[in-house]
Amino acid sequence: MTIKAVSRLTEDQIECLRELWNAEYPTSLVHEHRAGLTAYLAGLSNVEHWLMIDATEAIQGWACSFDRDGGRWFAMLLHRAVQGKGYGRKLLDQVRHNEIRLEGWVIDHPKELKQNGEPYASPLKFYLKCGFEVDGSTRLEQEQISAVRIFWNRPARQTSHTGQHP
């Protein structure tokens, strides 16, 4: 697997991403047509994309970071075949590389179903394992989604007992 940073997605990449999105996210978040996902992506400000590509050039994962409400936000998804194998952390590390703080929404309950009828597995434990924290004061409650807000702050550099950076 390789991770490619891209500033602009092609129409083919958007269609592949739409198929991945619809397969992995809950049915309430499905984009029936490419135009829906294209509109969502066009609404993101100062966006950066990362694509996880396999040996056949198929997109197995996607992440982006963008500006929203005075902060830096992110979104990420992986094909179920590559989940639990360390690829999510690698993709997330690419997103965090030049960031000081990231925020996102995460579904934190087992009530949602994917298009194939399987339950949507919340990625909250993954993000907590990767150093994110839950903002217990903010929840997103909409018809399409019920989610908790998470955030990550770059850890401060450790200083040695002499006061010098290692």
N, C-alpha and C. Protein backbone atom coordinates (compact mmCIF):
# COMPACT_ATOMS: atom_id res chain seq x y z
N MET A 1 0.84 -1.19 0.00
CA MET A 1 0.00 0.00 0.00
C MET A 1 0.88 1.24 0.00
N THR A 2 0.46 2.19 -0.78
CA THR A 2 1.14 3.49 -0.77
C THR A 2 0.12 4.57 -0.46
N ILE A 3 0.60 5.64 0.14
CA ILE A 3 -0.24 6.78 0.45
C ILE A 3 0.24 7.94 -0.40
N LYS A 4 -0.70 8.51 -1.15
CA LYS A 4 -0.40 9.64 -2.02
C LYS A 4 -1.15 10.87 -1.53
N ALA A 5 -0.44 11.98 -1.40
CA ALA A 5 -1.10 13.25 -1.13
C ALA A 5 -1.54 13.83 -2.46
N VAL A 6 -2.77 14.29 -2.54
CA VAL A 6 -3.27 14.92 -3.76
C VAL A 6 -4.01 16.20 -3.37
N SER A 7 -3.81 17.22 -4.16
CA SER A 7 -4.48 18.49 -3.87
C SER A 7 -5.87 18.53 -4.47
N ARG A 8 -6.07 17.80 -5.54
CA ARG A 8 -7.37 17.80 -6.22
C ARG A 8 -7.68 16.38 -6.68
N LEU A 9 -8.88 15.93 -6.40
CA LEU A 9 -9.30 14.59 -6.81
C LEU A 9 -9.83 14.62 -8.24
N THR A 10 -9.51 13.59 -9.01
CA THR A 10 -10.05 13.46 -10.36
C THR A 10 -11.49 12.95 -10.27
N GLU A 11 -12.22 13.02 -11.37
CA GLU A 11 -13.59 12.49 -11.40
C GLU A 11 -13.60 10.99 -11.11
N ASP A 12 -12.62 10.25 -11.65
CA ASP A 12 -12.53 8.82 -11.39
C ASP A 12 -12.26 8.54 -9.91
N GLN A 13 -11.37 9.33 -9.30
CA GLN A 13 -11.08 9.16 -7.88
C GLN A 13 -12.31 9.47 -7.03
N ILE A 14 -13.05 10.50 -7.42
CA ILE A 14 -14.27 10.84 -6.68
C ILE A 14 -15.28 9.70 -6.78
N GLU A 15 -15.41 9.09 -7.95
CA GLU A 15 -16.34 7.97 -8.09
C GLU A 15 -15.89 6.77 -7.26
N CYS A 16 -14.60 6.46 -7.26
CA CYS A 16 -14.08 5.37 -6.43
C CYS A 16 -14.30 5.67 -4.95
N LEU A 17 -14.06 6.92 -4.57
CA LEU A 17 -14.26 7.35 -3.19
C LEU A 17 -15.75 7.24 -2.82
N ARG A 18 -16.65 7.61 -3.72
CA ARG A 18 -18.08 7.50 -3.47
C ARG A 18 -18.48 6.05 -3.21
N GLU A 19 -17.94 5.14 -4.01
CA GLU A 19 -18.24 3.72 -3.82
C GLU A 19 -17.72 3.22 -2.47
N LEU A 20 -16.51 3.64 -2.11
CA LEU A 20 -15.94 3.27 -0.81
C LEU A 20 -16.76 3.88 0.32
N TRP A 21 -17.09 5.15 0.20
CA TRP A 21 -17.90 5.87 1.19
C TRP A 21 -19.23 5.13 1.41
N ASN A 22 -19.91 4.81 0.31
CA ASN A 22 -21.21 4.16 0.42
C ASN A 22 -21.13 2.75 0.99
N ALA A 23 -20.02 2.07 0.77
CA ALA A 23 -19.85 0.72 1.30
C ALA A 23 -19.50 0.71 2.78
N GLU A 24 -18.78 1.73 3.24
CA GLU A 24 -18.25 1.70 4.60
C GLU A 24 -18.97 2.59 5.60
N TYR A 25 -19.61 3.65 5.16
CA TYR A 25 -20.33 4.53 6.07
C TYR A 25 -21.78 4.06 6.23
N PRO A 26 -22.47 4.51 7.28
CA PRO A 26 -23.88 4.14 7.46
C PRO A 26 -24.75 4.62 6.30
N THR A 27 -25.87 3.94 6.11
CA THR A 27 -26.77 4.28 5.01
C THR A 27 -27.26 5.73 5.08
N SER A 28 -27.35 6.29 6.27
CA SER A 28 -27.82 7.67 6.40
C SER A 28 -26.86 8.68 5.78
N LEU A 29 -25.63 8.27 5.51
CA LEU A 29 -24.62 9.17 4.94
C LEU A 29 -24.29 8.87 3.49
N VAL A 30 -25.03 7.96 2.87
CA VAL A 30 -24.77 7.53 1.50
C VAL A 30 -24.98 8.67 0.50
N HIS A 31 -24.13 8.71 -0.52
CA HIS A 31 -24.28 9.63 -1.64
C HIS A 31 -24.75 8.81 -2.84
N GLU A 32 -26.02 8.96 -3.19
CA GLU A 32 -26.60 8.19 -4.30
C GLU A 32 -25.92 8.50 -5.63
N HIS A 33 -25.51 9.75 -5.80
CA HIS A 33 -24.89 10.18 -7.05
C HIS A 33 -23.58 10.89 -6.76
N ARG A 34 -22.71 10.86 -7.74
CA ARG A 34 -21.41 11.52 -7.60
C ARG A 34 -21.57 13.00 -7.24
N ALA A 35 -22.61 13.63 -7.75
CA ALA A 35 -22.83 15.06 -7.50
C ALA A 35 -22.93 15.36 -6.01
N GLY A 36 -23.52 14.47 -5.23
CA GLY A 36 -23.63 14.70 -3.79
C GLY A 36 -22.28 14.74 -3.10
N LEU A 37 -21.41 13.78 -3.42
CA LEU A 37 -20.08 13.77 -2.83
C LEU A 37 -19.25 14.92 -3.38
N THR A 38 -19.39 15.21 -4.66
CA THR A 38 -18.67 16.34 -5.26
C THR A 38 -19.04 17.64 -4.56
N ALA A 39 -20.33 17.82 -4.26
CA ALA A 39 -20.78 19.03 -3.56
C ALA A 39 -20.22 19.08 -2.14
N TYR A 40 -20.21 17.94 -1.45
CA TYR A 40 -19.63 17.88 -0.10
C TYR A 40 -18.16 18.29 -0.13
N LEU A 41 -17.40 17.70 -1.05
CA LEU A 41 -15.97 17.99 -1.15
C LEU A 41 -15.72 19.45 -1.55
N ALA A 42 -16.56 19.99 -2.44
CA ALA A 42 -16.40 21.37 -2.88
C ALA A 42 -16.67 22.35 -1.74
N GLY A 43 -17.44 21.93 -0.76
CA GLY A 43 -17.74 22.79 0.38
C GLY A 43 -16.66 22.83 1.43
N LEU A 44 -15.62 22.02 1.27
CA LEU A 44 -14.52 22.01 2.24
C LEU A 44 -13.51 23.11 1.89
N SER A 45 -13.04 23.79 2.89
CA SER A 45 -12.11 24.90 2.68
C SER A 45 -10.68 24.48 3.01
N ASN A 46 -9.73 24.89 2.16
CA ASN A 46 -8.31 24.60 2.38
C ASN A 46 -8.09 23.10 2.61
N VAL A 47 -8.61 22.29 1.70
CA VAL A 47 -8.61 20.84 1.87
C VAL A 47 -7.33 20.20 1.33
N GLU A 48 -6.88 19.17 2.02
CA GLU A 48 -5.77 18.31 1.58
C GLU A 48 -6.30 16.89 1.61
N HIS A 49 -5.98 16.10 0.58
CA HIS A 49 -6.44 14.71 0.48
C HIS A 49 -5.25 13.75 0.51
N TRP A 50 -5.49 12.57 1.06
CA TRP A 50 -4.53 11.47 1.00
C TRP A 50 -5.29 10.24 0.55
N LEU A 51 -4.72 9.54 -0.42
CA LEU A 51 -5.32 8.31 -0.93
C LEU A 51 -4.41 7.14 -0.60
N MET A 52 -4.98 6.08 -0.07
CA MET A 52 -4.24 4.84 0.16
C MET A 52 -4.55 3.93 -1.02
N ILE A 53 -3.50 3.62 -1.78
CA ILE A 53 -3.64 2.89 -3.04
C ILE A 53 -2.97 1.53 -2.92
N ASP A 54 -3.64 0.49 -3.42
CA ASP A 54 -3.03 -0.84 -3.41
C ASP A 54 -2.24 -1.07 -4.69
N ALA A 55 -1.69 -2.26 -4.85
CA ALA A 55 -0.84 -2.58 -6.00
C ALA A 55 -1.58 -2.50 -7.33
N THR A 56 -2.90 -2.63 -7.31
CA THR A 56 -3.69 -2.54 -8.55
C THR A 56 -4.18 -1.12 -8.81
N GLU A 57 -3.72 -0.17 -8.00
CA GLU A 57 -4.11 1.25 -8.09
C GLU A 57 -5.52 1.51 -7.60
N ALA A 58 -6.12 0.54 -6.89
CA ALA A 58 -7.45 0.74 -6.32
C ALA A 58 -7.33 1.52 -5.01
N ILE A 59 -8.28 2.42 -4.77
CA ILE A 59 -8.29 3.20 -3.54
C ILE A 59 -8.83 2.33 -2.41
N GLN A 60 -8.01 2.13 -1.40
CA GLN A 60 -8.39 1.33 -0.23
C GLN A 60 -8.67 2.19 0.99
N GLY A 61 -8.29 3.47 0.90
CA GLY A 61 -8.51 4.38 2.00
C GLY A 61 -8.39 5.81 1.53
N TRP A 62 -8.99 6.70 2.29
CA TRP A 62 -8.98 8.12 1.96
C TRP A 62 -9.03 8.90 3.26
N ALA A 63 -8.35 10.02 3.27
CA ALA A 63 -8.43 10.94 4.40
C ALA A 63 -8.29 12.35 3.85
N CYS A 64 -8.84 13.29 4.57
CA CYS A 64 -8.65 14.69 4.20
C CYS A 64 -8.62 15.53 5.46
N SER A 65 -8.00 16.68 5.36
CA SER A 65 -8.05 17.68 6.43
C SER A 65 -8.52 18.97 5.78
N PHE A 66 -9.20 19.79 6.57
CA PHE A 66 -9.80 21.01 6.02
C PHE A 66 -10.10 21.98 7.15
N ASP A 67 -10.32 23.23 6.78
CA ASP A 67 -10.65 24.27 7.75
C ASP A 67 -12.16 24.33 7.93
N ARG A 68 -12.60 24.46 9.20
CA ARG A 68 -14.02 24.62 9.52
C ARG A 68 -14.14 25.28 10.89
N ASP A 69 -14.98 26.27 10.99
CA ASP A 69 -15.29 26.91 12.27
C ASP A 69 -14.04 27.32 13.05
N GLY A 70 -13.06 27.86 12.36
CA GLY A 70 -11.85 28.34 13.01
C GLY A 70 -10.87 27.26 13.44
N GLY A 71 -11.10 26.01 13.04
CA GLY A 71 -10.22 24.91 13.40
C GLY A 71 -9.86 24.07 12.20
N ARG A 72 -9.02 23.09 12.45
CA ARG A 72 -8.61 22.15 11.40
C ARG A 72 -9.32 20.83 11.68
N TRP A 73 -10.08 20.35 10.72
CA TRP A 73 -10.89 19.15 10.85
C TRP A 73 -10.36 18.06 9.92
N PHE A 74 -10.85 16.83 10.13
CA PHE A 74 -10.45 15.73 9.26
C PHE A 74 -11.60 14.77 9.06
N ALA A 75 -11.49 13.98 8.01
CA ALA A 75 -12.39 12.86 7.73
C ALA A 75 -11.51 11.73 7.22
N MET A 76 -11.92 10.50 7.48
CA MET A 76 -11.11 9.36 7.06
C MET A 76 -11.98 8.13 6.94
N LEU A 77 -11.66 7.29 5.95
CA LEU A 77 -12.32 5.99 5.86
C LEU A 77 -11.41 4.99 5.18
N LEU A 78 -11.61 3.73 5.56
CA LEU A 78 -10.83 2.61 5.01
C LEU A 78 -11.76 1.51 4.54
N HIS A 79 -11.35 0.85 3.48
CA HIS A 79 -12.07 -0.34 3.03
C HIS A 79 -11.99 -1.40 4.13
N ARG A 80 -13.06 -2.12 4.34
CA ARG A 80 -13.10 -3.12 5.43
C ARG A 80 -11.99 -4.16 5.31
N ALA A 81 -11.52 -4.44 4.09
CA ALA A 81 -10.47 -5.45 3.90
C ALA A 81 -9.13 -5.03 4.49
N VAL A 82 -8.92 -3.73 4.68
CA VAL A 82 -7.63 -3.27 5.21
C VAL A 82 -7.74 -2.76 6.64
N GLN A 83 -8.92 -2.80 7.22
CA GLN A 83 -9.09 -2.36 8.60
C GLN A 83 -8.44 -3.35 9.56
N GLY A 84 -7.89 -2.84 10.64
CA GLY A 84 -7.27 -3.69 11.66
C GLY A 84 -5.89 -4.19 11.31
N LYS A 85 -5.26 -3.61 10.29
CA LYS A 85 -3.93 -4.07 9.84
C LYS A 85 -2.87 -2.98 9.94
N GLY A 86 -3.17 -1.89 10.62
CA GLY A 86 -2.19 -0.81 10.80
C GLY A 86 -2.24 0.26 9.73
N TYR A 87 -3.02 0.05 8.69
CA TYR A 87 -3.07 1.05 7.62
C TYR A 87 -3.79 2.33 8.04
N GLY A 88 -4.79 2.19 8.89
CA GLY A 88 -5.50 3.37 9.37
C GLY A 88 -4.59 4.31 10.13
N ARG A 89 -3.72 3.75 10.97
CA ARG A 89 -2.78 4.58 11.72
C ARG A 89 -1.80 5.27 10.77
N LYS A 90 -1.34 4.54 9.75
CA LYS A 90 -0.42 5.14 8.79
C LYS A 90 -1.08 6.30 8.05
N LEU A 91 -2.33 6.11 7.65
CA LEU A 91 -3.05 7.17 6.96
C LEU A 91 -3.29 8.35 7.89
N LEU A 92 -3.69 8.07 9.11
CA LEU A 92 -3.91 9.12 10.10
C LEU A 92 -2.62 9.88 10.40
N ASP A 93 -1.50 9.17 10.48
CA ASP A 93 -0.21 9.83 10.71
C ASP A 93 0.13 10.82 9.59
N GLN A 94 -0.24 10.48 8.36
CA GLN A 94 -0.02 11.41 7.24
C GLN A 94 -0.83 12.68 7.44
N VAL A 95 -2.06 12.53 7.87
CA VAL A 95 -2.93 13.68 8.10
C VAL A 95 -2.37 14.54 9.23
N ARG A 96 -1.90 13.91 10.30
CA ARG A 96 -1.42 14.65 11.48
C ARG A 96 -0.04 15.25 11.31
N HIS A 97 0.69 14.82 10.29
CA HIS A 97 2.10 15.20 10.15
C HIS A 97 2.37 16.70 10.31
N ASN A 98 1.61 17.54 9.65
CA ASN A 98 1.85 18.98 9.71
C ASN A 98 0.79 19.73 10.52
N GLU A 99 0.03 19.02 11.30
CA GLU A 99 -1.04 19.65 12.06
C GLU A 99 -0.67 19.78 13.53
N ILE A 100 -1.25 20.78 14.17
CA ILE A 100 -1.08 20.99 15.61
C ILE A 100 -2.30 20.44 16.35
N ARG A 101 -3.46 20.58 15.73
CA ARG A 101 -4.72 20.11 16.32
C ARG A 101 -5.65 19.67 15.19
N LEU A 102 -6.39 18.61 15.43
CA LEU A 102 -7.41 18.13 14.50
C LEU A 102 -8.69 17.85 15.28
N GLU A 103 -9.81 18.05 14.59
CA GLU A 103 -11.11 17.76 15.17
C GLU A 103 -11.91 16.94 14.17
N GLY A 104 -12.86 16.18 14.68
CA GLY A 104 -13.72 15.40 13.80
C GLY A 104 -14.96 14.91 14.52
N TRP A 105 -15.90 14.38 13.75
CA TRP A 105 -17.11 13.78 14.29
C TRP A 105 -16.99 12.28 14.14
N VAL A 106 -17.37 11.53 15.17
CA VAL A 106 -17.30 10.07 15.13
C VAL A 106 -18.61 9.50 15.68
N ILE A 107 -19.21 8.62 14.91
CA ILE A 107 -20.38 7.89 15.41
C ILE A 107 -19.90 6.98 16.52
N ASP A 108 -20.54 7.08 17.68
CA ASP A 108 -20.05 6.37 18.86
C ASP A 108 -21.05 5.35 19.42
N HIS A 109 -21.93 4.86 18.57
CA HIS A 109 -22.95 3.91 19.02
C HIS A 109 -23.16 2.84 17.93
N PRO A 110 -23.75 1.72 18.31
CA PRO A 110 -23.93 0.60 17.36
C PRO A 110 -25.29 0.59 16.65
N LYS A 111 -25.95 1.72 16.55
CA LYS A 111 -27.32 1.76 16.02
C LYS A 111 -27.40 1.88 14.51
N GLU A 112 -26.32 2.21 13.85
CA GLU A 112 -26.33 2.46 12.40
C GLU A 112 -26.02 1.19 11.62
N LEU A 113 -26.60 1.10 10.42
CA LEU A 113 -26.33 -0.02 9.51
C LEU A 113 -25.70 0.49 8.23
N LYS A 114 -24.85 -0.35 7.63
CA LYS A 114 -24.27 -0.04 6.33
C LYS A 114 -25.23 -0.54 5.24
N GLN A 115 -24.96 -0.18 4.00
CA GLN A 115 -25.84 -0.58 2.90
C GLN A 115 -25.99 -2.08 2.77
N ASN A 116 -24.98 -2.84 3.14
CA ASN A 116 -25.05 -4.30 3.02
C ASN A 116 -25.81 -4.94 4.19
N GLY A 117 -26.33 -4.11 5.10
CA GLY A 117 -27.09 -4.61 6.24
C GLY A 117 -26.27 -4.89 7.48
N GLU A 118 -24.94 -4.84 7.37
CA GLU A 118 -24.08 -5.07 8.53
C GLU A 118 -24.11 -3.84 9.44
N PRO A 119 -23.92 -4.06 10.74
CA PRO A 119 -23.84 -2.91 11.65
C PRO A 119 -22.59 -2.08 11.35
N TYR A 120 -22.73 -0.77 11.47
CA TYR A 120 -21.58 0.11 11.32
C TYR A 120 -20.80 0.06 12.63
N ALA A 121 -19.53 -0.30 12.54
CA ALA A 121 -18.68 -0.39 13.72
C ALA A 121 -18.03 0.97 13.97
N SER A 122 -18.32 1.54 15.13
CA SER A 122 -17.76 2.84 15.47
C SER A 122 -16.23 2.77 15.52
N PRO A 123 -15.54 3.74 14.91
CA PRO A 123 -14.09 3.79 14.99
C PRO A 123 -13.57 4.54 16.21
N LEU A 124 -14.44 4.84 17.17
CA LEU A 124 -14.03 5.65 18.32
C LEU A 124 -12.86 5.04 19.08
N LYS A 125 -12.88 3.74 19.33
CA LYS A 125 -11.77 3.09 20.06
C LYS A 125 -10.45 3.28 19.31
N PHE A 126 -10.49 3.18 17.99
CA PHE A 126 -9.29 3.39 17.18
C PHE A 126 -8.73 4.79 17.41
N TYR A 127 -9.59 5.80 17.33
CA TYR A 127 -9.12 7.17 17.50
C TYR A 127 -8.60 7.42 18.91
N LEU A 128 -9.25 6.86 19.92
CA LEU A 128 -8.76 7.02 21.29
C LEU A 128 -7.38 6.37 21.43
N LYS A 129 -7.19 5.22 20.81
CA LYS A 129 -5.89 4.53 20.83
C LYS A 129 -4.80 5.37 20.14
N CYS A 130 -5.22 6.19 19.18
CA CYS A 130 -4.29 7.03 18.43
C CYS A 130 -4.09 8.41 19.07
N GLY A 131 -4.56 8.59 20.29
CA GLY A 131 -4.30 9.83 21.01
C GLY A 131 -5.37 10.90 20.94
N PHE A 132 -6.50 10.59 20.33
CA PHE A 132 -7.61 11.55 20.30
C PHE A 132 -8.34 11.51 21.63
N GLU A 133 -9.05 12.58 21.92
CA GLU A 133 -9.88 12.67 23.11
C GLU A 133 -11.30 13.03 22.69
N VAL A 134 -12.25 12.68 23.53
CA VAL A 134 -13.65 13.01 23.28
C VAL A 134 -13.94 14.37 23.92
N ASP A 135 -14.58 15.24 23.15
CA ASP A 135 -15.09 16.50 23.67
C ASP A 135 -16.47 16.20 24.22
N GLY A 136 -16.54 15.93 25.50
CA GLY A 136 -17.80 15.53 26.13
C GLY A 136 -18.86 16.61 26.15
N SER A 137 -18.50 17.82 25.80
CA SER A 137 -19.47 18.92 25.85
C SER A 137 -20.18 19.15 24.52
N THR A 138 -19.74 18.45 23.46
CA THR A 138 -20.31 18.72 22.13
C THR A 138 -20.71 17.42 21.44
N ARG A 139 -21.97 17.35 21.03
CA ARG A 139 -22.50 16.23 20.25
C ARG A 139 -23.18 16.78 19.01
N LEU A 140 -23.13 16.00 17.96
CA LEU A 140 -23.84 16.32 16.73
C LEU A 140 -25.08 15.42 16.69
N GLU A 141 -26.24 16.03 16.75
CA GLU A 141 -27.50 15.28 16.69
C GLU A 141 -28.31 15.82 15.53
N GLN A 142 -28.29 15.07 14.43
CA GLN A 142 -29.07 15.44 13.25
C GLN A 142 -29.83 14.22 12.77
N GLU A 143 -30.73 14.43 11.86
CA GLU A 143 -31.50 13.31 11.31
C GLU A 143 -30.56 12.27 10.68
N GLN A 144 -29.50 12.76 10.00
CA GLN A 144 -28.59 11.85 9.30
C GLN A 144 -27.54 11.21 10.20
N ILE A 145 -27.18 11.88 11.29
CA ILE A 145 -26.05 11.39 12.06
C ILE A 145 -26.15 11.80 13.53
N SER A 146 -25.71 10.92 14.38
CA SER A 146 -25.53 11.18 15.80
C SER A 146 -24.08 10.84 16.10
N ALA A 147 -23.30 11.84 16.51
CA ALA A 147 -21.86 11.62 16.67
C ALA A 147 -21.29 12.46 17.80
N VAL A 148 -20.17 12.03 18.28
CA VAL A 148 -19.43 12.75 19.30
C VAL A 148 -18.26 13.48 18.63
N ARG A 149 -17.90 14.61 19.18
CA ARG A 149 -16.77 15.38 18.65
C ARG A 149 -15.50 14.88 19.31
N ILE A 150 -14.49 14.64 18.48
CA ILE A 150 -13.18 14.23 19.00
C ILE A 150 -12.14 15.25 18.59
N PHE A 151 -11.03 15.27 19.31
CA PHE A 151 -9.94 16.18 18.97
C PHE A 151 -8.62 15.55 19.33
N TRP A 152 -7.59 16.02 18.65
CA TRP A 152 -6.21 15.58 18.90
C TRP A 152 -5.35 16.83 18.92
N ASN A 153 -4.45 16.91 19.89
CA ASN A 153 -3.46 17.97 19.97
C ASN A 153 -2.08 17.35 19.88
N ARG A 154 -1.23 17.97 19.06
CA ARG A 154 0.15 17.49 18.97
C ARG A 154 0.77 17.57 20.37
N PRO A 155 1.37 16.49 20.85
CA PRO A 155 1.98 16.52 22.18
C PRO A 155 3.11 17.56 22.24
N ALA A 156 3.22 18.22 23.38
CA ALA A 156 4.31 19.17 23.58
C ALA A 156 5.62 18.40 23.60
N ARG A 157 6.66 19.04 23.13
CA ARG A 157 7.98 18.39 23.16
C ARG A 157 8.42 18.19 24.59
N GLN A 158 8.96 17.04 24.84
CA GLN A 158 9.47 16.72 26.18
C GLN A 158 10.82 17.42 26.39
N THR A 159 11.05 17.88 27.57
CA THR A 159 12.37 18.45 27.87
C THR A 159 13.08 17.54 28.85
N SER A 160 14.38 17.50 28.75
CA SER A 160 15.16 16.67 29.67
C SER A 160 15.33 17.42 30.99
N HIS A 161 15.97 16.81 31.94
CA HIS A 161 16.15 17.44 33.25
C HIS A 161 17.06 18.67 33.16
N THR A 162 17.81 18.82 32.07
CA THR A 162 18.66 20.00 31.91
C THR A 162 17.90 21.14 31.26
N GLY A 163 16.64 20.88 30.87
CA GLY A 163 15.83 21.93 30.25
C GLY A 163 16.05 22.03 28.74
N GLN A 164 16.90 21.19 28.19
CA GLN A 164 17.17 21.21 26.76
C GLN A 164 16.30 20.17 26.07
N HIS A 165 15.93 20.47 24.84
CA HIS A 165 15.16 19.49 24.08
C HIS A 165 16.06 18.32 23.71
N PRO A 166 15.52 17.13 23.72
CA PRO A 166 16.34 15.95 23.37
C PRO A 166 16.83 15.98 21.95
